[in-house]
Amino acid sequence: MRVALYARTSAADRETVEQILAELAAHAARRGWEVALECADQGPWPEGSRKGLRSLVEAARSKAVQGILVRTLSHLARSLRYLTDLGRLLASQEVALIATEDHLDTTDPGGAIRWRDWLEISNRLDHQLRAEAAKLARLRTPGERWGRPAATVNALELLTWWEGRGGRRPLSMRDLARKLGIAVGTARKRLRALRAAGQVNDGARARALAARGGLPRGGRPATPLDDAILAAAWRKMPSVAAIARHLHVSRSRIRARLLEIGLISQQAGASASAKSLTNPATASEVPHGQA
């Protein structure tokens, strides 16, 4: 049987991961198992690095191994829910789990039955605990929906970093979400609501980005835009999306550049989409900057 070894230590542990892996390798050799993968993590848990655990899970998901050998289940358990989900994954992939100190070996029928029963009990317990927590949260805030409260977003701060007010560099959506401590989806949703209310100045953002050379990015340099080619395409193409496909440039860059050179108005630029800009002649007749 091909097995993967996994070891974890923290700063307080006297043993090293190399010592634990050597102990597990010796156990695998006594059982006649082939060691196909060795993974390890070091540092505080569960906040520490978990690259080794991710490699272990990927190996189990791809069925690169038929078993996982650890010293104790606590090395795998980031939380009760995580260990339960991991156990169900291993069961679905028919990957055995052996924890030497916990006397767990699912290659043995009796051990497999005990592990299955434990997964069912812990899964039920986790659901009960989460349901009770949701009930308590609702009792504390009557009328509010269950679950975590929505993240509070300061609209002024969001617009400041999005448009680059005060001489700041405008942030990308990902950097903006990180700056505000919220999810990217939450930042995008809040920005969409502010744009619908007419509070977002996308033209100011485009000018600030142009003055600073755009967003800092790795990889290939951005495709340069020639104003004459863009203007000619704007007269011929039916929409921003069509121009973007033709020039192999994102729609946001096309829309921002059209705003800068005055081919569409500020109002059209703020609410522009592939459908709303289907008539370039009409859009170009709207004076730049009018609401």
C-alpha atoms as a PDB file:
ATOM      1  CA  MET A   1       0.000   0.000   0.000  1.00  0.00           C
ATOM      2  CA  ARG A   2       1.287   3.473  -0.912  1.00  0.00           C
ATOM      3  CA  VAL A   3       1.069   5.793   2.080  1.00  0.00           C
ATOM      4  CA  ALA A   4       1.735   9.445   2.851  1.00  0.00           C
ATOM      5  CA  LEU A   5       3.396  10.489   6.104  1.00  0.00           C
ATOM      6  CA  TYR A   6       2.424  13.681   7.881  1.00  0.00           C
ATOM      7  CA  ALA A   7       4.073  15.353  10.879  1.00  0.00           C
ATOM      8  CA  ARG A   8       3.486  18.639  12.656  1.00  0.00           C
ATOM      9  CA  THR A   9       5.367  20.434  15.409  1.00  0.00           C
ATOM     10  CA  SER A  10       5.067  23.772  17.173  1.00  0.00           C
ATOM     11  CA  ALA A  11       7.695  25.997  18.731  1.00  0.00           C
ATOM     12  CA  ALA A  12       7.130  24.356  22.137  1.00  0.00           C
ATOM     13  CA  ASP A  13       7.739  20.802  20.881  1.00  0.00           C
ATOM     14  CA  ARG A  14      11.114  19.265  21.602  1.00  0.00           C
ATOM     15  CA  GLU A  15      10.925  16.852  18.680  1.00  0.00           C
ATOM     16  CA  THR A  16      11.510  17.907  15.101  1.00  0.00           C
ATOM     17  CA  VAL A  17       9.370  16.948  12.141  1.00  0.00           C
ATOM     18  CA  GLU A  18      12.291  14.908  10.831  1.00  0.00           C
ATOM     19  CA  GLN A  19      12.224  12.740  13.970  1.00  0.00           C
ATOM     20  CA  ILE A  20       8.470  12.201  13.723  1.00  0.00           C
ATOM     21  CA  LEU A  21       8.679  11.367  10.016  1.00  0.00           C
ATOM     22  CA  ALA A  22      11.478   8.876  10.712  1.00  0.00           C
ATOM     23  CA  GLU A  23       9.305   7.187  13.351  1.00  0.00           C
ATOM     24  CA  LEU A  24       6.366   6.995  10.932  1.00  0.00           C
ATOM     25  CA  ALA A  25       8.606   5.679   8.138  1.00  0.00           C
ATOM     26  CA  ALA A  26       9.824   2.909  10.443  1.00  0.00           C
ATOM     27  CA  HIS A  27       6.204   1.995  11.257  1.00  0.00           C
ATOM     28  CA  ALA A  28       5.354   1.897   7.536  1.00  0.00           C
ATOM     29  CA  ALA A  29       8.389  -0.329   6.861  1.00  0.00           C
ATOM     30  CA  ARG A  30       7.277  -2.790   9.534  1.00  0.00           C
ATOM     31  CA  ARG A  31       3.868  -3.007   7.889  1.00  0.00           C
ATOM     32  CA  GLY A  32       5.370  -3.441   4.438  1.00  0.00           C
ATOM     33  CA  TRP A  33       3.961  -0.153   3.113  1.00  0.00           C
ATOM     34  CA  GLU A  34       5.618   2.031   0.488  1.00  0.00           C
ATOM     35  CA  VAL A  35       6.143   5.669   1.506  1.00  0.00           C
ATOM     36  CA  ALA A  36       5.062   7.739  -1.491  1.00  0.00           C
ATOM     37  CA  LEU A  37       4.923  11.173   0.134  1.00  0.00           C
ATOM     38  CA  GLU A  38       6.237  12.949   3.232  1.00  0.00           C
ATOM     39  CA  CYS A  39       4.566  16.186   4.370  1.00  0.00           C
ATOM     40  CA  ALA A  40       5.213  18.370   7.409  1.00  0.00           C
ATOM     41  CA  ASP A  41       4.239  21.704   8.949  1.00  0.00           C
ATOM     42  CA  GLN A  42       5.926  23.731  11.660  1.00  0.00           C
ATOM     43  CA  GLY A  43       4.736  26.652  13.760  1.00  0.00           C
ATOM     44  CA  PRO A  44       1.736  27.586  15.948  1.00  0.00           C
ATOM     45  CA  TRP A  45      -1.481  25.735  15.252  1.00  0.00           C
ATOM     46  CA  PRO A  46      -4.027  26.313  13.787  1.00  0.00           C
ATOM     47  CA  GLU A  47      -2.722  29.755  12.773  1.00  0.00           C
ATOM     48  CA  GLY A  48       0.595  28.477  11.434  1.00  0.00           C
ATOM     49  CA  SER A  49       1.613  27.422   7.948  1.00  0.00           C
ATOM     50  CA  ARG A  50      -0.278  24.464   6.498  1.00  0.00           C
ATOM     51  CA  LYS A  51       1.385  23.869   3.138  1.00  0.00           C
ATOM     52  CA  GLY A  52       2.189  20.295   4.130  1.00  0.00           C
ATOM     53  CA  LEU A  53      -1.413  19.597   5.070  1.00  0.00           C
ATOM     54  CA  ARG A  54      -2.628  21.009   1.764  1.00  0.00           C
ATOM     55  CA  SER A  55      -0.218  18.742  -0.108  1.00  0.00           C
ATOM     56  CA  LEU A  56      -1.493  15.796   1.910  1.00  0.00           C
ATOM     57  CA  VAL A  57      -5.137  16.582   1.095  1.00  0.00           C
ATOM     58  CA  GLU A  58      -4.332  17.024  -2.610  1.00  0.00           C
ATOM     59  CA  ALA A  59      -2.629  13.629  -2.660  1.00  0.00           C
ATOM     60  CA  ALA A  60      -5.676  12.019  -1.044  1.00  0.00           C
ATOM     61  CA  ARG A  61      -8.084  13.801  -3.390  1.00  0.00           C
ATOM     62  CA  SER A  62      -6.140  12.664  -6.466  1.00  0.00           C
ATOM     63  CA  LYS A  63      -5.796   9.110  -5.061  1.00  0.00           C
ATOM     64  CA  ALA A  64      -2.022   9.331  -5.345  1.00  0.00           C
ATOM     65  CA  VAL A  65      -1.851   7.393  -2.045  1.00  0.00           C
ATOM     66  CA  GLN A  66      -3.951   4.650  -0.516  1.00  0.00           C
ATOM     67  CA  GLY A  67      -3.317   5.585   3.102  1.00  0.00           C
ATOM     68  CA  ILE A  68      -2.260   8.413   5.424  1.00  0.00           C
ATOM     69  CA  LEU A  69      -0.038   7.715   8.423  1.00  0.00           C
ATOM     70  CA  VAL A  70       0.186  10.203  11.306  1.00  0.00           C
ATOM     71  CA  ARG A  71       1.237  10.000  14.927  1.00  0.00           C
ATOM     72  CA  THR A  72      -2.031  11.461  16.266  1.00  0.00           C
ATOM     73  CA  LEU A  73      -5.263  12.901  14.877  1.00  0.00           C
ATOM     74  CA  SER A  74      -4.523  16.199  16.627  1.00  0.00           C
ATOM     75  CA  HIS A  75      -1.846  16.824  13.991  1.00  0.00           C
ATOM     76  CA  LEU A  76      -4.583  16.860  11.339  1.00  0.00           C
ATOM     77  CA  ALA A  77      -7.307  18.627  13.348  1.00  0.00           C
ATOM     78  CA  ARG A  78      -7.407  22.343  12.637  1.00  0.00           C
ATOM     79  CA  SER A  79     -10.882  22.144  14.189  1.00  0.00           C
ATOM     80  CA  LEU A  80     -13.530  19.525  14.879  1.00  0.00           C
ATOM     81  CA  ARG A  81     -15.350  20.475  11.693  1.00  0.00           C
ATOM     82  CA  TYR A  82     -12.148  20.338   9.624  1.00  0.00           C
ATOM     83  CA  LEU A  83     -11.251  16.877  10.927  1.00  0.00           C
ATOM     84  CA  THR A  84     -14.783  15.637  10.215  1.00  0.00           C
ATOM     85  CA  ASP A  85     -14.717  17.003   6.659  1.00  0.00           C
ATOM     86  CA  LEU A  86     -11.272  15.492   6.113  1.00  0.00           C
ATOM     87  CA  GLY A  87     -12.478  12.117   7.395  1.00  0.00           C
ATOM     88  CA  ARG A  88     -15.410  12.149   4.985  1.00  0.00           C
ATOM     89  CA  LEU A  89     -13.063  13.058   2.114  1.00  0.00           C
ATOM     90  CA  LEU A  90     -10.754  10.170   2.920  1.00  0.00           C
ATOM     91  CA  ALA A  91     -13.718   7.789   3.165  1.00  0.00           C
ATOM     92  CA  SER A  92     -15.075   8.921  -0.217  1.00  0.00           C
ATOM     93  CA  GLN A  93     -11.649   8.479  -1.825  1.00  0.00           C
ATOM     94  CA  GLU A  94     -11.141   5.107  -0.067  1.00  0.00           C
ATOM     95  CA  VAL A  95      -7.935   6.364   1.570  1.00  0.00           C
ATOM     96  CA  ALA A  96      -7.068   4.645   4.851  1.00  0.00           C
ATOM     97  CA  LEU A  97      -6.126   6.631   7.953  1.00  0.00           C
ATOM     98  CA  ILE A  98      -3.677   5.355  10.557  1.00  0.00           C
ATOM     99  CA  ALA A  99      -2.927   7.301  13.769  1.00  0.00           C
ATOM    100  CA  THR A 100      -0.394   5.314  15.816  1.00  0.00           C
ATOM    101  CA  GLU A 101      -0.849   6.981  19.222  1.00  0.00           C
ATOM    102  CA  ASP A 102      -4.659   7.028  18.935  1.00  0.00           C
ATOM    103  CA  HIS A 103      -4.749   3.302  18.065  1.00  0.00           C
ATOM    104  CA  LEU A 104      -6.734   4.077  14.916  1.00  0.00           C
ATOM    105  CA  ASP A 105      -6.232   1.966  11.803  1.00  0.00           C
ATOM    106  CA  THR A 106      -8.981   1.981   9.199  1.00  0.00           C
ATOM    107  CA  THR A 107      -7.270  -0.810   7.236  1.00  0.00           C
ATOM    108  CA  ASP A 108      -8.708  -3.001   9.990  1.00  0.00           C
ATOM    109  CA  PRO A 109     -12.505  -3.570   9.711  1.00  0.00           C
ATOM    110  CA  GLY A 110     -13.032  -2.843  13.406  1.00  0.00           C
ATOM    111  CA  GLY A 111     -11.036   0.391  13.208  1.00  0.00           C
ATOM    112  CA  ALA A 112     -12.919   1.446  10.086  1.00  0.00           C
ATOM    113  CA  ILE A 113     -16.266   0.961  11.866  1.00  0.00           C
ATOM    114  CA  ARG A 114     -15.140   2.942  14.922  1.00  0.00           C
ATOM    115  CA  TRP A 115     -13.850   5.771  12.698  1.00  0.00           C
ATOM    116  CA  ARG A 116     -17.097   5.870  10.717  1.00  0.00           C
ATOM    117  CA  ASP A 117     -19.153   6.043  13.921  1.00  0.00           C
ATOM    118  CA  TRP A 118     -16.957   8.831  15.268  1.00  0.00           C
ATOM    119  CA  LEU A 119     -17.377  10.838  12.063  1.00  0.00           C
ATOM    120  CA  GLU A 120     -21.163  10.551  12.270  1.00  0.00           C
ATOM    121  CA  ILE A 121     -21.237  11.620  15.921  1.00  0.00           C
ATOM    122  CA  SER A 122     -18.816  14.533  15.482  1.00  0.00           C
ATOM    123  CA  ASN A 123     -20.633  15.752  12.367  1.00  0.00           C
ATOM    124  CA  ARG A 124     -23.939  15.732  14.239  1.00  0.00           C
ATOM    125  CA  LEU A 125     -22.333  17.508  17.198  1.00  0.00           C
ATOM    126  CA  ASP A 126     -20.828  20.181  14.965  1.00  0.00           C
ATOM    127  CA  HIS A 127     -24.222  20.875  13.337  1.00  0.00           C
ATOM    128  CA  GLN A 128     -25.880  21.128  16.747  1.00  0.00           C
ATOM    129  CA  LEU A 129     -23.273  23.545  18.074  1.00  0.00           C
ATOM    130  CA  ARG A 130     -23.540  25.775  15.007  1.00  0.00           C
ATOM    131  CA  ALA A 131     -27.349  25.748  15.180  1.00  0.00           C
ATOM    132  CA  GLU A 132     -27.270  26.759  18.856  1.00  0.00           C
ATOM    133  CA  ALA A 133     -24.817  29.554  18.097  1.00  0.00           C
ATOM    134  CA  ALA A 134     -27.103  30.855  15.329  1.00  0.00           C
ATOM    135  CA  LYS A 135     -30.107  30.795  17.683  1.00  0.00           C
ATOM    136  CA  LEU A 136     -28.193  32.762  20.314  1.00  0.00           C
ATOM    137  CA  ALA A 137     -27.121  35.312  17.715  1.00  0.00           C
ATOM    138  CA  ARG A 138     -30.719  35.806  16.656  1.00  0.00           C
ATOM    139  CA  LEU A 139     -31.885  36.214  20.245  1.00  0.00           C
ATOM    140  CA  ARG A 140     -29.303  38.945  20.802  1.00  0.00           C
ATOM    141  CA  THR A 141     -30.446  40.874  17.711  1.00  0.00           C
ATOM    142  CA  PRO A 142     -34.213  40.361  17.215  1.00  0.00           C
ATOM    143  CA  GLY A 143     -35.368  40.825  13.656  1.00  0.00           C
ATOM    144  CA  GLU A 144     -31.931  40.242  12.188  1.00  0.00           C
ATOM    145  CA  ARG A 145     -31.288  37.278   9.947  1.00  0.00           C
ATOM    146  CA  TRP A 146     -29.216  34.370  11.172  1.00  0.00           C
ATOM    147  CA  GLY A 147     -25.490  34.054  10.713  1.00  0.00           C
ATOM    148  CA  ARG A 148     -22.694  36.573  10.868  1.00  0.00           C
ATOM    149  CA  PRO A 149     -23.660  40.259  10.742  1.00  0.00           C
ATOM    150  CA  ALA A 150     -22.869  42.049   7.503  1.00  0.00           C
ATOM    151  CA  ALA A 151     -19.485  43.747   7.369  1.00  0.00           C
ATOM    152  CA  THR A 152     -19.584  47.487   8.044  1.00  0.00           C
ATOM    153  CA  VAL A 153     -17.982  49.498   5.239  1.00  0.00           C
ATOM    154  CA  ASN A 154     -17.057  53.173   5.486  1.00  0.00           C
ATOM    155  CA  ALA A 155     -18.247  54.614   2.171  1.00  0.00           C
ATOM    156  CA  LEU A 156     -15.887  57.599   2.345  1.00  0.00           C
ATOM    157  CA  GLU A 157     -12.871  55.387   2.943  1.00  0.00           C
ATOM    158  CA  LEU A 158     -13.908  53.026   0.151  1.00  0.00           C
ATOM    159  CA  LEU A 159     -14.311  55.860  -2.363  1.00  0.00           C
ATOM    160  CA  THR A 160     -11.057  57.497  -1.246  1.00  0.00           C
ATOM    161  CA  TRP A 161      -9.011  54.400  -2.022  1.00  0.00           C
ATOM    162  CA  TRP A 162     -11.006  53.436  -5.125  1.00  0.00           C
ATOM    163  CA  GLU A 163     -10.802  56.852  -6.825  1.00  0.00           C
ATOM    164  CA  GLY A 164      -7.373  57.801  -5.446  1.00  0.00           C
ATOM    165  CA  ARG A 165      -8.506  60.911  -3.627  1.00  0.00           C
ATOM    166  CA  GLY A 166      -5.957  63.135  -1.913  1.00  0.00           C
ATOM    167  CA  GLY A 167      -3.161  62.119  -4.256  1.00  0.00           C
ATOM    168  CA  ARG A 168      -3.383  58.439  -3.303  1.00  0.00           C
ATOM    169  CA  ARG A 169      -2.859  55.635  -5.796  1.00  0.00           C
ATOM    170  CA  PRO A 170      -6.206  53.990  -6.663  1.00  0.00           C
ATOM    171  CA  LEU A 171      -6.316  50.422  -5.418  1.00  0.00           C
ATOM    172  CA  SER A 172      -7.377  47.308  -7.259  1.00  0.00           C
ATOM    173  CA  MET A 173     -10.500  45.529  -6.025  1.00  0.00           C
ATOM    174  CA  ARG A 174      -8.430  42.901  -4.232  1.00  0.00           C
ATOM    175  CA  ASP A 175      -6.150  45.460  -2.557  1.00  0.00           C
ATOM    176  CA  LEU A 176      -9.165  47.577  -1.645  1.00  0.00           C
ATOM    177  CA  ALA A 177     -10.859  44.638   0.066  1.00  0.00           C
ATOM    178  CA  ARG A 178      -7.641  43.828   1.944  1.00  0.00           C
ATOM    179  CA  LYS A 179      -7.280  47.462   3.006  1.00  0.00           C
ATOM    180  CA  LEU A 180     -10.822  47.568   4.413  1.00  0.00           C
ATOM    181  CA  GLY A 181     -10.641  44.091   5.933  1.00  0.00           C
ATOM    182  CA  ILE A 182     -13.606  42.723   3.966  1.00  0.00           C
ATOM    183  CA  ALA A 183     -14.202  40.144   1.258  1.00  0.00           C
ATOM    184  CA  VAL A 184     -13.707  41.064  -2.393  1.00  0.00           C
ATOM    185  CA  GLY A 185     -17.377  40.257  -3.045  1.00  0.00           C
ATOM    186  CA  THR A 186     -18.451  42.626  -0.255  1.00  0.00           C
ATOM    187  CA  ALA A 187     -16.276  45.442  -1.624  1.00  0.00           C
ATOM    188  CA  ARG A 188     -17.622  44.903  -5.140  1.00  0.00           C
ATOM    189  CA  LYS A 189     -21.226  44.844  -3.909  1.00  0.00           C
ATOM    190  CA  ARG A 190     -20.803  48.036  -1.860  1.00  0.00           C
ATOM    191  CA  LEU A 191     -19.084  49.813  -4.734  1.00  0.00           C
ATOM    192  CA  ARG A 192     -21.888  48.774  -7.085  1.00  0.00           C
ATOM    193  CA  ALA A 193     -24.466  50.267  -4.720  1.00  0.00           C
ATOM    194  CA  LEU A 194     -22.525  53.550  -4.473  1.00  0.00           C
ATOM    195  CA  ARG A 195     -22.180  53.676  -8.257  1.00  0.00           C
ATOM    196  CA  ALA A 196     -25.936  53.196  -8.655  1.00  0.00           C
ATOM    197  CA  ALA A 197     -26.435  56.129  -6.271  1.00  0.00           C
ATOM    198  CA  GLY A 198     -24.181  58.287  -8.449  1.00  0.00           C
ATOM    199  CA  GLN A 199     -21.452  58.667  -5.815  1.00  0.00           C
ATOM    200  CA  VAL A 200     -18.589  56.978  -7.708  1.00  0.00           C
ATOM    201  CA  ASN A 201     -16.406  59.048 -10.024  1.00  0.00           C
ATOM    202  CA  ASP A 202     -14.867  56.468 -12.348  1.00  0.00           C
ATOM    203  CA  GLY A 203     -13.413  59.222 -14.498  1.00  0.00           C
ATOM    204  CA  ALA A 204     -11.367  60.509 -11.562  1.00  0.00           C
ATOM    205  CA  ARG A 205     -10.108  56.996 -10.951  1.00  0.00           C
ATOM    206  CA  ALA A 206      -9.125  56.589 -14.603  1.00  0.00           C
ATOM    207  CA  ARG A 207      -7.243  59.911 -14.590  1.00  0.00           C
ATOM    208  CA  ALA A 208      -5.463  59.057 -11.337  1.00  0.00           C
ATOM    209  CA  LEU A 209      -4.416  55.685 -12.704  1.00  0.00           C
ATOM    210  CA  ALA A 210      -3.232  57.215 -15.957  1.00  0.00           C
ATOM    211  CA  ALA A 211      -1.144  59.757 -14.044  1.00  0.00           C
ATOM    212  CA  ARG A 212       0.514  56.964 -12.078  1.00  0.00           C
ATOM    213  CA  GLY A 213       0.970  54.539 -14.946  1.00  0.00           C
ATOM    214  CA  GLY A 214      -1.926  52.233 -14.029  1.00  0.00           C
ATOM    215  CA  LEU A 215      -2.147  49.592 -11.347  1.00  0.00           C
ATOM    216  CA  PRO A 216       1.102  47.861 -10.370  1.00  0.00           C
ATOM    217  CA  ARG A 217       1.021  44.384 -11.867  1.00  0.00           C
ATOM    218  CA  GLY A 218       3.359  41.550 -12.590  1.00  0.00           C
ATOM    219  CA  GLY A 219       3.467  39.401 -15.685  1.00  0.00           C
ATOM    220  CA  ARG A 220       3.191  40.801 -19.183  1.00  0.00           C
ATOM    221  CA  PRO A 221       2.998  44.582 -19.659  1.00  0.00           C
ATOM    222  CA  ALA A 222      -0.414  45.988 -20.500  1.00  0.00           C
ATOM    223  CA  THR A 223      -1.321  46.216 -24.181  1.00  0.00           C
ATOM    224  CA  PRO A 224      -0.759  49.851 -25.275  1.00  0.00           C
ATOM    225  CA  LEU A 225      -3.813  51.738 -26.527  1.00  0.00           C
ATOM    226  CA  ASP A 226      -3.517  54.018 -29.549  1.00  0.00           C
ATOM    227  CA  ASP A 227      -6.118  56.799 -29.404  1.00  0.00           C
ATOM    228  CA  ALA A 228      -6.498  56.982 -33.193  1.00  0.00           C
ATOM    229  CA  ILE A 229      -7.087  53.231 -33.467  1.00  0.00           C
ATOM    230  CA  LEU A 230      -9.468  53.357 -30.512  1.00  0.00           C
ATOM    231  CA  ALA A 231     -11.447  56.231 -32.024  1.00  0.00           C
ATOM    232  CA  ALA A 232     -11.703  54.429 -35.354  1.00  0.00           C
ATOM    233  CA  ALA A 233     -12.846  51.265 -33.622  1.00  0.00           C
ATOM    234  CA  TRP A 234     -15.402  53.268 -31.604  1.00  0.00           C
ATOM    235  CA  ARG A 235     -16.948  54.566 -34.827  1.00  0.00           C
ATOM    236  CA  LYS A 236     -17.168  51.075 -36.338  1.00  0.00           C
ATOM    237  CA  MET A 237     -17.754  48.720 -33.432  1.00  0.00           C
ATOM    238  CA  PRO A 238     -21.202  48.281 -31.868  1.00  0.00           C
ATOM    239  CA  SER A 239     -20.094  48.198 -28.219  1.00  0.00           C
ATOM    240  CA  VAL A 240     -17.292  48.468 -25.687  1.00  0.00           C
ATOM    241  CA  ALA A 241     -17.271  44.673 -25.423  1.00  0.00           C
ATOM    242  CA  ALA A 242     -16.746  44.324 -29.178  1.00  0.00           C
ATOM    243  CA  ILE A 243     -13.829  46.789 -29.096  1.00  0.00           C
ATOM    244  CA  ALA A 244     -12.292  44.970 -26.137  1.00  0.00           C
ATOM    245  CA  ARG A 245     -12.425  41.670 -28.024  1.00  0.00           C
ATOM    246  CA  HIS A 246     -11.025  43.258 -31.175  1.00  0.00           C
ATOM    247  CA  LEU A 247      -8.096  44.968 -29.430  1.00  0.00           C
ATOM    248  CA  HIS A 248      -7.563  42.205 -26.840  1.00  0.00           C
ATOM    249  CA  VAL A 249      -7.929  44.696 -23.990  1.00  0.00           C
ATOM    250  CA  SER A 250     -10.252  44.607 -20.978  1.00  0.00           C
ATOM    251  CA  ARG A 251     -13.551  46.468 -21.186  1.00  0.00           C
ATOM    252  CA  SER A 252     -12.675  48.567 -18.134  1.00  0.00           C
ATOM    253  CA  ARG A 253      -9.536  49.895 -19.874  1.00  0.00           C
ATOM    254  CA  ILE A 254     -11.476  50.639 -23.060  1.00  0.00           C
ATOM    255  CA  ARG A 255     -14.202  52.440 -21.105  1.00  0.00           C
ATOM    256  CA  ALA A 256     -11.685  54.432 -19.057  1.00  0.00           C
ATOM    257  CA  ARG A 257      -9.760  55.536 -22.144  1.00  0.00           C
ATOM    258  CA  LEU A 258     -12.953  56.536 -23.961  1.00  0.00           C
ATOM    259  CA  LEU A 259     -13.758  58.709 -20.957  1.00  0.00           C
ATOM    260  CA  GLU A 260     -10.315  60.313 -21.000  1.00  0.00           C
ATOM    261  CA  ILE A 261     -10.371  61.244 -24.691  1.00  0.00           C
ATOM    262  CA  GLY A 262     -13.972  62.468 -24.530  1.00  0.00           C
ATOM    263  CA  LEU A 263     -15.728  59.934 -26.748  1.00  0.00           C
ATOM    264  CA  ILE A 264     -18.262  59.114 -24.034  1.00  0.00           C
ATOM    265  CA  SER A 265     -19.638  61.262 -21.246  1.00  0.00           C
ATOM    266  CA  GLN A 266     -19.009  60.905 -17.520  1.00  0.00           C
ATOM    267  CA  GLN A 267     -22.594  59.702 -17.051  1.00  0.00           C
ATOM    268  CA  ALA A 268     -22.250  57.124 -19.815  1.00  0.00           C
ATOM    269  CA  GLY A 269     -18.906  55.987 -18.433  1.00  0.00           C
ATOM    270  CA  ALA A 270     -20.259  55.524 -14.925  1.00  0.00           C
ATOM    271  CA  SER A 271     -23.165  53.362 -16.017  1.00  0.00           C
ATOM    272  CA  ALA A 272     -21.627  51.828 -19.119  1.00  0.00           C
ATOM    273  CA  SER A 273     -21.944  48.158 -19.917  1.00  0.00           C
ATOM    274  CA  ALA A 274     -21.843  46.088 -23.054  1.00  0.00           C
ATOM    275  CA  LYS A 275     -25.575  46.590 -23.509  1.00  0.00           C
ATOM    276  CA  SER A 276     -25.862  50.259 -22.557  1.00  0.00           C
ATOM    277  CA  LEU A 277     -23.157  51.348 -25.032  1.00  0.00           C
ATOM    278  CA  THR A 278     -24.533  49.671 -28.121  1.00  0.00           C
ATOM    279  CA  ASN A 279     -25.014  52.975 -29.965  1.00  0.00           C
ATOM    280  CA  PRO A 280     -21.651  54.766 -30.248  1.00  0.00           C
ATOM    281  CA  ALA A 281     -23.120  57.612 -32.241  1.00  0.00           C
ATOM    282  CA  THR A 282     -25.578  58.455 -29.469  1.00  0.00           C
ATOM    283  CA  ALA A 283     -22.948  58.113 -26.766  1.00  0.00           C
ATOM    284  CA  SER A 284     -20.482  60.370 -28.551  1.00  0.00           C
ATOM    285  CA  GLU A 285     -23.143  63.091 -28.878  1.00  0.00           C
ATOM    286  CA  VAL A 286     -23.357  63.428 -25.091  1.00  0.00           C
ATOM    287  CA  PRO A 287     -20.897  66.180 -24.070  1.00  0.00           C
ATOM    288  CA  HIS A 288     -18.076  64.940 -21.903  1.00  0.00           C
ATOM    289  CA  GLY A 289     -18.567  65.601 -18.162  1.00  0.00           C
ATOM    290  CA  GLN A 290     -22.346  66.249 -18.235  1.00  0.00           C
ATOM    291  CA  ALA A 291     -24.581  64.366 -15.784  1.00  0.00           C
END
